[in-house]
Amino acid sequence: MLGNLSNVLSARCICLWWMIRKVVAVAGLTALLAVSVQAELAEQEDAVEAGRVQFSDKCVVCHGEEGKGDGVLAPSLNQQPADLSRLSASNDGVFPMSEAFEKIWGKDSEVISTHQMSEMPAFYDAPVFGHDADFESSAGRLSPAQIKDIIAYLETIQEQ
């Protein structure tokens, strides 16, 4: 009888040990996920802030502080700047990320454009010039990473 009690206690200890290991593993995984989510949120916040800075530097003059197309130069333009706060609303509630990227970059359907049909400046990294960090940071040019940051910011100003 004492042997059976010992076997039962051993089995319960083993079972308890496995339960504790599961709890510790789940707690560890939860902590890792929380850290990962926090890091991703911090990275997104950094992108939004960098995009806000780029927007203020390059876009506000035409699109206005709130992106409504009412910048100080808007009245003097032949074609009025887009209301960037309504991009999602104009696209069935979904932010048109790739279209926004193409419009800012000045590249449409793999055809390099200089926005001749529009007064919006082209911000692309033109193949004739090659990929050049100095080119991207001069003359108002934006790198793809900077454009992605602007898009991250534009997503935050959407009206429904």
N, C-alpha and C. Protein backbone atom coordinates (compact mmCIF):
# COMPACT_ATOMS: atom_id res chain seq x y z
N MET A 1 0.82 -1.19 0.00
CA MET A 1 0.00 0.00 0.00
C MET A 1 0.86 1.25 0.00
N LEU A 2 1.93 1.20 0.75
CA LEU A 2 2.84 2.33 0.80
C LEU A 2 3.50 2.55 -0.56
N GLY A 3 3.74 1.47 -1.30
CA GLY A 3 4.33 1.57 -2.64
C GLY A 3 3.37 2.27 -3.60
N ASN A 4 2.07 1.94 -3.48
CA ASN A 4 1.07 2.58 -4.35
C ASN A 4 0.97 4.07 -4.06
N LEU A 5 1.00 4.42 -2.76
CA LEU A 5 0.94 5.83 -2.37
C LEU A 5 2.14 6.58 -2.92
N SER A 6 3.30 5.94 -2.87
CA SER A 6 4.52 6.55 -3.39
C SER A 6 4.41 6.76 -4.90
N ASN A 7 3.86 5.76 -5.60
CA ASN A 7 3.68 5.88 -7.06
C ASN A 7 2.70 7.00 -7.41
N VAL A 8 1.62 7.10 -6.64
CA VAL A 8 0.61 8.14 -6.88
C VAL A 8 1.23 9.51 -6.65
N LEU A 9 1.98 9.66 -5.55
CA LEU A 9 2.62 10.95 -5.26
C LEU A 9 3.65 11.30 -6.32
N SER A 10 4.40 10.31 -6.79
CA SER A 10 5.38 10.56 -7.85
C SER A 10 4.69 11.01 -9.13
N ALA A 11 3.60 10.35 -9.47
CA ALA A 11 2.85 10.71 -10.67
C ALA A 11 2.29 12.13 -10.55
N ARG A 12 1.80 12.48 -9.36
CA ARG A 12 1.26 13.83 -9.15
C ARG A 12 2.37 14.87 -9.21
N CYS A 13 3.53 14.54 -8.67
CA CYS A 13 4.66 15.47 -8.73
C CYS A 13 5.08 15.70 -10.18
N ILE A 14 5.14 14.60 -10.93
CA ILE A 14 5.52 14.73 -12.35
C ILE A 14 4.48 15.56 -13.08
N CYS A 15 3.22 15.30 -12.82
CA CYS A 15 2.13 16.05 -13.46
C CYS A 15 2.22 17.54 -13.08
N LEU A 16 2.46 17.80 -11.79
CA LEU A 16 2.59 19.16 -11.31
C LEU A 16 3.80 19.84 -11.97
N TRP A 17 4.89 19.09 -12.09
CA TRP A 17 6.09 19.62 -12.73
C TRP A 17 5.79 20.02 -14.17
N TRP A 18 5.08 19.20 -14.93
CA TRP A 18 4.74 19.51 -16.32
C TRP A 18 3.82 20.72 -16.40
N MET A 19 2.91 20.84 -15.45
CA MET A 19 2.01 21.99 -15.44
C MET A 19 2.79 23.28 -15.18
N ILE A 20 3.73 23.20 -14.23
CA ILE A 20 4.55 24.38 -13.91
C ILE A 20 5.39 24.76 -15.14
N ARG A 21 5.97 23.76 -15.81
CA ARG A 21 6.77 24.04 -17.02
C ARG A 21 5.92 24.71 -18.09
N LYS A 22 4.68 24.24 -18.24
CA LYS A 22 3.78 24.85 -19.24
C LYS A 22 3.49 26.30 -18.89
N VAL A 23 3.20 26.56 -17.62
CA VAL A 23 2.90 27.92 -17.19
C VAL A 23 4.10 28.82 -17.41
N VAL A 24 5.28 28.35 -17.06
CA VAL A 24 6.49 29.14 -17.24
C VAL A 24 6.75 29.38 -18.73
N ALA A 25 6.56 28.35 -19.56
CA ALA A 25 6.76 28.50 -21.00
C ALA A 25 5.78 29.51 -21.58
N VAL A 26 4.51 29.42 -21.19
CA VAL A 26 3.50 30.35 -21.69
C VAL A 26 3.81 31.76 -21.21
N ALA A 27 4.22 31.90 -19.95
CA ALA A 27 4.57 33.22 -19.42
C ALA A 27 5.77 33.80 -20.18
N GLY A 28 6.74 32.97 -20.46
CA GLY A 28 7.92 33.44 -21.21
C GLY A 28 7.55 33.84 -22.62
N LEU A 29 6.73 33.04 -23.28
CA LEU A 29 6.30 33.36 -24.63
C LEU A 29 5.48 34.64 -24.64
N THR A 30 4.61 34.79 -23.65
CA THR A 30 3.81 36.01 -23.55
C THR A 30 4.70 37.23 -23.36
N ALA A 31 5.72 37.10 -22.53
CA ALA A 31 6.65 38.21 -22.31
C ALA A 31 7.40 38.55 -23.61
N LEU A 32 7.84 37.53 -24.33
CA LEU A 32 8.53 37.77 -25.60
C LEU A 32 7.62 38.46 -26.61
N LEU A 33 6.37 38.01 -26.68
CA LEU A 33 5.42 38.63 -27.60
C LEU A 33 5.15 40.08 -27.20
N ALA A 34 5.04 40.33 -25.91
CA ALA A 34 4.78 41.69 -25.44
C ALA A 34 5.94 42.61 -25.81
N VAL A 35 7.16 42.13 -25.62
CA VAL A 35 8.34 42.92 -25.97
C VAL A 35 8.36 43.17 -27.48
N SER A 36 8.05 42.13 -28.26
CA SER A 36 8.03 42.25 -29.72
C SER A 36 6.97 43.26 -30.16
N VAL A 37 5.78 43.19 -29.58
CA VAL A 37 4.71 44.12 -29.93
C VAL A 37 5.10 45.54 -29.53
N GLN A 38 5.69 45.70 -28.34
CA GLN A 38 6.12 47.02 -27.91
C GLN A 38 7.19 47.59 -28.84
N ALA A 39 8.12 46.74 -29.26
CA ALA A 39 9.18 47.19 -30.18
C ALA A 39 8.57 47.60 -31.52
N GLU A 40 7.60 46.81 -31.99
CA GLU A 40 6.96 47.13 -33.27
C GLU A 40 6.17 48.43 -33.17
N LEU A 41 5.47 48.62 -32.05
CA LEU A 41 4.72 49.86 -31.86
C LEU A 41 5.66 51.07 -31.79
N ALA A 42 6.78 50.91 -31.09
CA ALA A 42 7.75 51.99 -31.00
C ALA A 42 8.33 52.31 -32.38
N GLU A 43 8.60 51.27 -33.17
CA GLU A 43 9.11 51.48 -34.53
C GLU A 43 8.07 52.20 -35.38
N GLN A 44 6.80 51.80 -35.24
CA GLN A 44 5.73 52.46 -36.00
C GLN A 44 5.60 53.93 -35.58
N GLU A 45 5.68 54.19 -34.27
CA GLU A 45 5.62 55.58 -33.79
C GLU A 45 6.78 56.40 -34.35
N ASP A 46 7.96 55.79 -34.43
CA ASP A 46 9.12 56.48 -35.00
C ASP A 46 8.89 56.79 -36.47
N ALA A 47 8.32 55.83 -37.20
CA ALA A 47 8.05 56.04 -38.63
C ALA A 47 7.02 57.15 -38.82
N VAL A 48 5.98 57.16 -37.99
CA VAL A 48 4.95 58.19 -38.09
C VAL A 48 5.56 59.57 -37.81
N GLU A 49 6.39 59.65 -36.78
CA GLU A 49 7.02 60.94 -36.46
C GLU A 49 7.97 61.38 -37.57
N ALA A 50 8.76 60.45 -38.09
CA ALA A 50 9.65 60.80 -39.21
C ALA A 50 8.83 61.23 -40.42
N GLY A 51 7.71 60.58 -40.66
CA GLY A 51 6.83 60.95 -41.76
C GLY A 51 6.20 62.31 -41.56
N ARG A 52 5.84 62.62 -40.32
CA ARG A 52 5.27 63.94 -40.01
C ARG A 52 6.29 65.03 -40.31
N VAL A 53 7.54 64.77 -39.94
CA VAL A 53 8.62 65.74 -40.20
C VAL A 53 8.81 65.92 -41.71
N GLN A 54 8.86 64.82 -42.45
CA GLN A 54 9.01 64.90 -43.91
C GLN A 54 7.82 65.63 -44.53
N PHE A 55 6.61 65.31 -44.05
CA PHE A 55 5.40 65.96 -44.56
C PHE A 55 5.47 67.46 -44.32
N SER A 56 5.87 67.85 -43.11
CA SER A 56 5.98 69.27 -42.77
C SER A 56 7.01 69.97 -43.65
N ASP A 57 8.07 69.26 -43.96
CA ASP A 57 9.16 69.83 -44.75
C ASP A 57 8.84 69.90 -46.24
N LYS A 58 8.20 68.87 -46.78
CA LYS A 58 8.04 68.76 -48.23
C LYS A 58 6.61 68.96 -48.73
N CYS A 59 5.61 68.69 -47.92
CA CYS A 59 4.24 68.58 -48.44
C CYS A 59 3.29 69.68 -47.98
N VAL A 60 3.54 70.22 -46.79
CA VAL A 60 2.61 71.19 -46.18
C VAL A 60 2.37 72.41 -47.06
N VAL A 61 3.38 72.85 -47.77
CA VAL A 61 3.27 74.07 -48.56
C VAL A 61 2.12 73.97 -49.58
N CYS A 62 1.87 72.78 -50.09
CA CYS A 62 0.76 72.59 -51.04
C CYS A 62 -0.45 71.92 -50.40
N HIS A 63 -0.20 70.88 -49.58
CA HIS A 63 -1.30 70.09 -49.02
C HIS A 63 -1.84 70.63 -47.70
N GLY A 64 -1.15 71.56 -47.09
CA GLY A 64 -1.62 72.16 -45.83
C GLY A 64 -1.26 71.33 -44.61
N GLU A 65 -1.34 71.96 -43.45
CA GLU A 65 -0.96 71.33 -42.18
C GLU A 65 -1.71 70.03 -41.91
N GLU A 66 -2.98 70.00 -42.26
CA GLU A 66 -3.80 68.82 -42.00
C GLU A 66 -3.97 67.94 -43.24
N GLY A 67 -3.24 68.26 -44.30
CA GLY A 67 -3.28 67.46 -45.51
C GLY A 67 -4.54 67.61 -46.34
N LYS A 68 -5.27 68.69 -46.15
CA LYS A 68 -6.56 68.87 -46.83
C LYS A 68 -6.45 69.55 -48.20
N GLY A 69 -5.22 69.81 -48.64
CA GLY A 69 -5.04 70.44 -49.95
C GLY A 69 -5.13 71.95 -49.91
N ASP A 70 -4.99 72.50 -48.71
CA ASP A 70 -5.16 73.95 -48.54
C ASP A 70 -3.88 74.66 -48.11
N GLY A 71 -2.75 74.22 -48.64
CA GLY A 71 -1.48 74.84 -48.31
C GLY A 71 -1.37 76.24 -48.89
N VAL A 72 -0.36 76.97 -48.48
CA VAL A 72 -0.21 78.36 -48.91
C VAL A 72 -0.02 78.51 -50.42
N LEU A 73 0.55 77.49 -51.08
CA LEU A 73 0.73 77.56 -52.52
C LEU A 73 -0.48 77.04 -53.31
N ALA A 74 -1.41 76.39 -52.63
CA ALA A 74 -2.55 75.77 -53.32
C ALA A 74 -3.31 76.74 -54.23
N PRO A 75 -3.62 77.96 -53.79
CA PRO A 75 -4.38 78.86 -54.66
C PRO A 75 -3.66 79.23 -55.96
N SER A 76 -2.34 79.16 -55.97
CA SER A 76 -1.60 79.54 -57.16
C SER A 76 -1.36 78.38 -58.13
N LEU A 77 -1.80 77.19 -57.76
CA LEU A 77 -1.58 76.03 -58.62
C LEU A 77 -2.72 75.85 -59.61
N ASN A 78 -2.40 75.35 -60.79
CA ASN A 78 -3.43 75.07 -61.79
C ASN A 78 -4.31 73.90 -61.37
N GLN A 79 -3.70 72.88 -60.78
CA GLN A 79 -4.43 71.72 -60.30
C GLN A 79 -4.35 71.72 -58.78
N GLN A 80 -5.47 71.71 -58.12
CA GLN A 80 -5.48 71.78 -56.66
C GLN A 80 -4.92 70.50 -56.05
N PRO A 81 -4.13 70.62 -54.99
CA PRO A 81 -3.57 69.44 -54.33
C PRO A 81 -4.67 68.56 -53.75
N ALA A 82 -4.40 67.28 -53.70
CA ALA A 82 -5.36 66.31 -53.17
C ALA A 82 -5.58 66.53 -51.68
N ASP A 83 -6.78 66.19 -51.21
CA ASP A 83 -7.08 66.16 -49.78
C ASP A 83 -6.58 64.82 -49.27
N LEU A 84 -5.41 64.82 -48.67
CA LEU A 84 -4.76 63.58 -48.22
C LEU A 84 -5.40 62.99 -46.97
N SER A 85 -6.29 63.73 -46.34
CA SER A 85 -6.97 63.21 -45.14
C SER A 85 -8.16 62.35 -45.52
N ARG A 86 -8.49 62.26 -46.81
CA ARG A 86 -9.66 61.51 -47.27
C ARG A 86 -9.28 60.35 -48.19
N LEU A 87 -8.02 59.95 -48.20
CA LEU A 87 -7.59 58.87 -49.09
C LEU A 87 -8.31 57.56 -48.77
N SER A 88 -8.43 57.22 -47.50
CA SER A 88 -9.13 55.99 -47.12
C SER A 88 -10.61 56.09 -47.44
N ALA A 89 -11.21 57.22 -47.12
CA ALA A 89 -12.64 57.41 -47.38
C ALA A 89 -12.94 57.28 -48.88
N SER A 90 -12.01 57.72 -49.71
CA SER A 90 -12.20 57.63 -51.17
C SER A 90 -11.89 56.25 -51.71
N ASN A 91 -11.44 55.36 -50.84
CA ASN A 91 -11.05 54.01 -51.26
C ASN A 91 -11.76 52.95 -50.42
N ASP A 92 -13.05 53.14 -50.20
CA ASP A 92 -13.88 52.19 -49.44
C ASP A 92 -13.33 51.89 -48.04
N GLY A 93 -12.73 52.90 -47.40
CA GLY A 93 -12.25 52.74 -46.04
C GLY A 93 -10.89 52.09 -45.91
N VAL A 94 -10.25 51.79 -47.02
CA VAL A 94 -8.94 51.14 -46.99
C VAL A 94 -7.90 52.14 -47.48
N PHE A 95 -6.83 52.32 -46.72
CA PHE A 95 -5.79 53.25 -47.13
C PHE A 95 -5.07 52.70 -48.35
N PRO A 96 -5.00 53.46 -49.45
CA PRO A 96 -4.37 53.00 -50.70
C PRO A 96 -2.85 53.15 -50.67
N MET A 97 -2.19 52.28 -49.93
CA MET A 97 -0.77 52.40 -49.67
C MET A 97 0.08 52.43 -50.95
N SER A 98 -0.10 51.46 -51.82
CA SER A 98 0.77 51.41 -53.01
C SER A 98 0.50 52.58 -53.95
N GLU A 99 -0.75 52.99 -54.07
CA GLU A 99 -1.07 54.14 -54.93
C GLU A 99 -0.45 55.42 -54.37
N ALA A 100 -0.51 55.57 -53.05
CA ALA A 100 0.09 56.75 -52.43
C ALA A 100 1.60 56.74 -52.64
N PHE A 101 2.21 55.58 -52.48
CA PHE A 101 3.65 55.48 -52.68
C PHE A 101 4.01 55.87 -54.12
N GLU A 102 3.30 55.30 -55.09
CA GLU A 102 3.59 55.61 -56.50
C GLU A 102 3.40 57.09 -56.81
N LYS A 103 2.38 57.70 -56.25
CA LYS A 103 2.11 59.11 -56.52
C LYS A 103 3.23 59.99 -55.95
N ILE A 104 3.65 59.70 -54.72
CA ILE A 104 4.72 60.50 -54.10
C ILE A 104 6.03 60.28 -54.83
N TRP A 105 6.32 59.03 -55.15
CA TRP A 105 7.60 58.70 -55.77
C TRP A 105 7.67 59.22 -57.19
N GLY A 106 6.53 59.31 -57.85
CA GLY A 106 6.50 59.79 -59.22
C GLY A 106 6.69 58.68 -60.22
N LYS A 107 6.43 57.46 -59.79
CA LYS A 107 6.59 56.30 -60.66
C LYS A 107 5.22 55.64 -60.77
N ASP A 108 4.71 55.51 -61.97
CA ASP A 108 3.39 54.95 -62.16
C ASP A 108 3.46 53.80 -63.14
N SER A 109 3.07 52.62 -62.70
CA SER A 109 3.05 51.42 -63.55
C SER A 109 4.38 51.21 -64.28
N GLU A 110 5.46 51.34 -63.52
CA GLU A 110 6.81 51.11 -64.04
C GLU A 110 7.24 52.09 -65.13
N VAL A 111 6.51 53.17 -65.31
CA VAL A 111 6.90 54.20 -66.26
C VAL A 111 7.32 55.43 -65.46
N ILE A 112 8.56 55.85 -65.60
CA ILE A 112 9.04 57.02 -64.87
C ILE A 112 8.31 58.25 -65.41
N SER A 113 7.82 59.03 -64.47
CA SER A 113 7.07 60.22 -64.84
C SER A 113 7.68 61.40 -64.11
N THR A 114 7.63 62.55 -64.70
CA THR A 114 8.10 63.74 -64.00
C THR A 114 6.90 64.60 -63.60
N HIS A 115 5.75 63.96 -63.50
CA HIS A 115 4.52 64.65 -63.10
C HIS A 115 4.19 65.79 -64.07
N GLN A 116 4.48 65.58 -65.35
CA GLN A 116 4.22 66.63 -66.33
C GLN A 116 2.72 66.96 -66.42
N MET A 117 1.87 65.99 -66.09
CA MET A 117 0.43 66.23 -66.12
C MET A 117 -0.03 66.86 -64.81
N SER A 118 0.86 67.01 -63.88
CA SER A 118 0.53 67.49 -62.55
C SER A 118 1.62 68.45 -62.10
N GLU A 119 1.30 69.27 -61.14
CA GLU A 119 2.32 70.19 -60.62
C GLU A 119 3.08 69.60 -59.44
N MET A 120 2.68 68.38 -59.04
CA MET A 120 3.37 67.75 -57.92
C MET A 120 4.78 67.35 -58.36
N PRO A 121 5.78 67.70 -57.54
CA PRO A 121 7.14 67.32 -57.92
C PRO A 121 7.33 65.80 -57.85
N ALA A 122 8.24 65.30 -58.66
CA ALA A 122 8.56 63.88 -58.62
C ALA A 122 9.62 63.66 -57.55
N PHE A 123 9.45 62.61 -56.77
CA PHE A 123 10.41 62.31 -55.71
C PHE A 123 11.10 60.97 -55.94
N TYR A 124 11.14 60.49 -57.17
CA TYR A 124 11.70 59.17 -57.43
C TYR A 124 13.22 59.19 -57.50
N ASP A 125 13.76 57.99 -57.37
CA ASP A 125 15.19 57.75 -57.52
C ASP A 125 15.37 57.33 -58.98
N ALA A 126 15.62 58.27 -59.85
CA ALA A 126 15.62 58.02 -61.29
C ALA A 126 16.77 57.11 -61.71
N PRO A 127 16.48 56.11 -62.56
CA PRO A 127 17.53 55.18 -63.01
C PRO A 127 18.68 55.88 -63.73
N VAL A 128 18.40 57.00 -64.40
CA VAL A 128 19.47 57.71 -65.09
C VAL A 128 20.53 58.20 -64.13
N PHE A 129 20.12 58.52 -62.93
CA PHE A 129 21.06 59.00 -61.92
C PHE A 129 21.62 57.87 -61.09
N GLY A 130 20.99 56.71 -61.13
CA GLY A 130 21.42 55.59 -60.30
C GLY A 130 20.94 55.77 -58.87
N HIS A 131 21.20 54.78 -58.07
CA HIS A 131 20.81 54.85 -56.66
C HIS A 131 21.93 55.56 -55.92
N ASP A 132 21.65 56.74 -55.44
CA ASP A 132 22.69 57.58 -54.87
C ASP A 132 22.13 58.27 -53.63
N ALA A 133 22.72 58.02 -52.48
CA ALA A 133 22.25 58.60 -51.23
C ALA A 133 22.28 60.12 -51.28
N ASP A 134 23.31 60.69 -51.91
CA ASP A 134 23.39 62.15 -52.02
C ASP A 134 22.23 62.68 -52.86
N PHE A 135 21.89 61.96 -53.94
CA PHE A 135 20.77 62.38 -54.78
C PHE A 135 19.48 62.35 -53.98
N GLU A 136 19.29 61.27 -53.21
CA GLU A 136 18.06 61.12 -52.44
C GLU A 136 17.91 62.20 -51.38
N SER A 137 19.01 62.69 -50.84
CA SER A 137 18.89 63.67 -49.76
C SER A 137 19.03 65.11 -50.28
N SER A 138 19.12 65.27 -51.60
CA SER A 138 19.25 66.61 -52.14
C SER A 138 18.08 66.95 -53.05
N ALA A 139 17.94 68.21 -53.33
CA ALA A 139 16.93 68.70 -54.29
C ALA A 139 15.53 68.22 -53.97
N GLY A 140 15.23 67.99 -52.70
CA GLY A 140 13.88 67.59 -52.33
C GLY A 140 13.55 66.15 -52.62
N ARG A 141 14.51 65.35 -53.04
CA ARG A 141 14.26 63.95 -53.34
C ARG A 141 14.03 63.16 -52.07
N LEU A 142 13.18 62.16 -52.17
CA LEU A 142 12.88 61.32 -51.03
C LEU A 142 13.28 59.88 -51.34
N SER A 143 13.85 59.21 -50.37
CA SER A 143 14.16 57.79 -50.53
C SER A 143 12.87 57.00 -50.33
N PRO A 144 12.83 55.76 -50.79
CA PRO A 144 11.66 54.93 -50.54
C PRO A 144 11.33 54.82 -49.04
N ALA A 145 12.35 54.77 -48.19
CA ALA A 145 12.10 54.70 -46.74
C ALA A 145 11.42 55.97 -46.24
N GLN A 146 11.84 57.11 -46.74
CA GLN A 146 11.21 58.38 -46.34
C GLN A 146 9.76 58.42 -46.81
N ILE A 147 9.50 57.93 -48.01
CA ILE A 147 8.14 57.91 -48.53
C ILE A 147 7.28 56.98 -47.68
N LYS A 148 7.82 55.85 -47.28
CA LYS A 148 7.07 54.93 -46.41
C LYS A 148 6.74 55.61 -45.08
N ASP A 149 7.65 56.41 -44.57
CA ASP A 149 7.39 57.15 -43.33
C ASP A 149 6.25 58.16 -43.54
N ILE A 150 6.27 58.86 -44.66
CA ILE A 150 5.20 59.82 -44.96
C ILE A 150 3.87 59.08 -45.03
N ILE A 151 3.87 57.93 -45.66
CA ILE A 151 2.64 57.14 -45.76
C ILE A 151 2.18 56.70 -44.38
N ALA A 152 3.11 56.31 -43.51
CA ALA A 152 2.74 55.93 -42.14
C ALA A 152 2.06 57.12 -41.45
N TYR A 153 2.57 58.32 -41.68
CA TYR A 153 1.96 59.52 -41.11
C TYR A 153 0.59 59.78 -41.74
N LEU A 154 0.50 59.68 -43.07
CA LEU A 154 -0.77 59.94 -43.74
C LEU A 154 -1.88 59.00 -43.24
N GLU A 155 -1.51 57.78 -42.92
CA GLU A 155 -2.51 56.84 -42.39
C GLU A 155 -3.11 57.35 -41.08
N THR A 156 -2.33 58.11 -40.32
CA THR A 156 -2.81 58.60 -39.01
C THR A 156 -3.75 59.81 -39.13
N ILE A 157 -3.78 60.46 -40.30
CA ILE A 157 -4.61 61.66 -40.43
C ILE A 157 -5.88 61.41 -41.23
N GLN A 158 -6.19 60.13 -41.47
CA GLN A 158 -7.36 59.81 -42.27
C GLN A 158 -8.66 60.10 -41.55
N GLU A 159 -9.58 60.73 -42.26
CA GLU A 159 -10.93 60.97 -41.77
C GLU A 159 -11.83 59.88 -42.34
N GLN A 160 -12.80 59.50 -41.59
CA GLN A 160 -13.73 58.45 -42.08
C GLN A 160 -15.00 59.01 -42.61
